[in-house]
Structure formats: structure tokens, C-alpha cells
């Protein structure tokens, strides 16, 4: 009887943690998305940010919480960001924010991580990662500053090149002894980020078309930048996964194949 009560208590606690996780990620995505939409809004279409940093949070929400919970957190957070930034309630905004953000940026990577058996921590060593977190924050600051400056210079798609180069070289800066993840572990995760960003950009382009742009304007004017901006952000999210997953596991926030890790250990 006591064992049954203990299992019920553990299950209830894990369920509450998931609810809190969904709410927390949704709020974070909404807040960061609001800022990015306001500071780096695309001149071609409201709601399309020059760089969509919440893609990092959407990736983490999906991989940690699971596909459905990630879909809810990523979608609701993106929709709230659009409403706060420019009053985006309509059908184009639904397509560009909750569908592209929740389905492509959160749910899809969560499913692909599971299908291809990619560990959420990317093979990072379970050790204190304070220095690694500081290094990741330093990379984030550099990427954001570059993004804002390059957008003001109106260099077009070339404005994404420095950030992509920085993020592809980041493992050399973050590797042993800080995180310790093997380089080969990142290859498949990189591919998942690129694929998810591409699907998100295609969905976003459809939203831009529904919003009144021509197909050329939607795919070239919005979609290309959307793809590159989401790719930059989701790659950054991989390093956050490597640095924080071990702590999230200990807190009971990480689900694998639909089951909390703490439950798998029983």
C-alpha cells in the first residue's frame, strides 16, 4: 500500500513538473520572442524576426518535455510573442507562430531526437558546467550584437554568415574539459536543427503568402532569412542542451521516449 501511494505521489509530482515546465518555457519563449520581433523585425513581414532566438528554447522544450508538451509550449509562446510584439492574432500569425514555432521548431526535433536516438545531453559529461554556461552566454551576446548591427547595415542574407560560422566553430571553444561532448555526437543533431529550421521556414513562408505577399516575396523575402535565423538559434540551443540537460534530468524535467527519466529508473 505504501509503495502504491509512493508511486502515485511520484507520478503526480512528475505530472506537475511537466505542467510547470510547459508554462515556464511558454513564458520564456513569449518574452524572448517579443524582444526579438521588436528589435529585429523583418521589413518584409511582421512577425518574421531577423533572428529567432526562441528557436533555441523551442528545441529544448521539445527535447526535454516531449513532443506534445513541446508543441504546446513552443506554439503558445510564439503566438503570445506575436500578440505582444505587433498584435498578431490572425490566420497568417497562427501559421507563422504557433504552427511553425510549435510544430516545426519544438515537436519535430523532439520526434527526430527520439527516432535517431540522439541523447538530449549530446554526450556531455555529467559534471558541474558553470564555466561552460558562461562561455555559452558569451557566444549568445556576440551573436545577438552581430545580428543587430548587421541588420542595421542592411547586408541581407550575408548578415547570417558570421553567426553561423561562430556557432559551427563553437564546439572548439566549448569542448573538454567544460562539456566534453564528442564532436561526432553533434553531426546528427546539426542535421536535425537544419531540417527543423527548413520546415519552419516553409510553413512561415505559407503564412507570409496568406498575409498578402507573393510566393516569391514569401519564399525569398521571408523564408530564406527565416531558415537561416532559425538555424542560427537552434544550433545555439544544442549547446544549451549539452550544458543543462544533466541538471534538468536531476530536477525531473527531462522525458525520454515519453517517460520521465526518474520513472525509467524505477
Foldseek 3Di string as FASTA:
>chain_A
DVVVVVVVVVVVVLVVLLVVLLVVLLQVLLVQLLVQQQLAPFPLDRLQGLARLSLLSLQLQCQFNHQVSSLSSQLNSQLNNSCNNPNDDDDLSSLLGSVLRRVLSHNQSNVVCQVVVQDLLLQWDLDQQPVLVVVLVVLVVVLVVLSSVVVVVVPPPVSLVVLVVCLVCCCVVRDPPRTPRDPVSCPVVLVSQLVSQLVSLVSNLVSSVVVPDDSCCSCPVRSVSSSSSSSSNNSSSSSVSNNCVSVCLVVQRGDHPRHTPVVVVD
